[in-house]
Amino acid sequence: MADEPSIRLMADTDLSQVFSLIDRENWGWEFHEIRRIFALDTRNSIVAEIDGDIVGLITLINFGKTAFIVHVIVKEGWRKKKLGARMMRDALQNLDSLGVDNVELHAMPDAADFYNQFGFKKVEEISFFCKHRGTGGFQDTVDPPMDAEFRLLDSDETLSLSECQARMMGFHECDFQYALNTDLPECPVGRIVGGSTTAMLIARKGSDLNPLGPWFMNHPDRKTARAMLRYVIARLPDRRTDVGISSSNELAKEIFLDEGFSLMTEGVVRVSRSARAVSPFPRELLAIGHLGVI
């Protein structure tokens, strides 16, 4: 028997074990989401394995210049044995070798200090809200007000959203182009004025929950934002809908609470390891989305 787990790249055949380990944490992830993360980047997520048993994992998506670490998990019985640190060092060294200049993740407050040793710094806090099934769905379909100018976008228009996403979120445009080309959202809504996108809200359909975001409006006002949110939710299956927002964005909080969302988790820390300055998300960014950058 090996003395300690070996660390290797995650493979498609690992996904059942990977999901089982993630599911034990009760974070609400679905198997199709884990498969989607892996499909977006099949070359950088890693597992720690011993005698065929996966006892640790890091799932991440390298978008090109920015990478987002989604899960860092060590199985009970292997914690406090520096396995998490070994995996983090391996993952970050690989990303550095690929020219990634910004790595981000969301950490629970009691785990944030762990990431300081790898050069991560706190940027801001993130809150997660959810809207439970039975409070919206196809049966509630509504049309936008005549002066709202937002509508469902076709695939060509959706792909053009990468510039405005990058501008609002502070990431490289090429990273969003990669994400959208690889995985188009099912429900992209935009407001286009004079050829420029002045608002957009992306939603995806899941088997048990619908991820919502990112969502930005150039000059957000409560009336138009609520109309846009209702327009999108009415076109989603009647399932739980999840969204993350910057905790400091009081307008976004008010809008989601007004529309029947409830606070699920708060105080989650957005941390970044970057060669460049990283700023908190602006007020115009009302939602960051389920995976942070997509």
Foldseek 3Di string as FASTA:
>chain_A
DDPFWDKDFDDPVCLVLVVVQVVVVVPPDDSVVSVVLCLQPVGQKMFTDDPRHTFWIWGKHDLQQEIEIEDTDGHPVCPPVCPSVVRVVVRVVVCVVSNHFKYKYWAAPVCVVVCVVVQKDFAAKKFKKKFAFPQAEQVLADDFPPPLQKDWDDLVVQLVCLVVLCVQQVHDSSSSNSVCVSDPAPTKMFHADPNRTQWIKGWHADPAEIKIDFIFGNDDDLVSVLRVVRNRRNHYHRHMYMFMAGPVQPSLVVNCVVSRMDTDDIGTTMIMRGPDDGHPGDNRGSTQIDRRRD
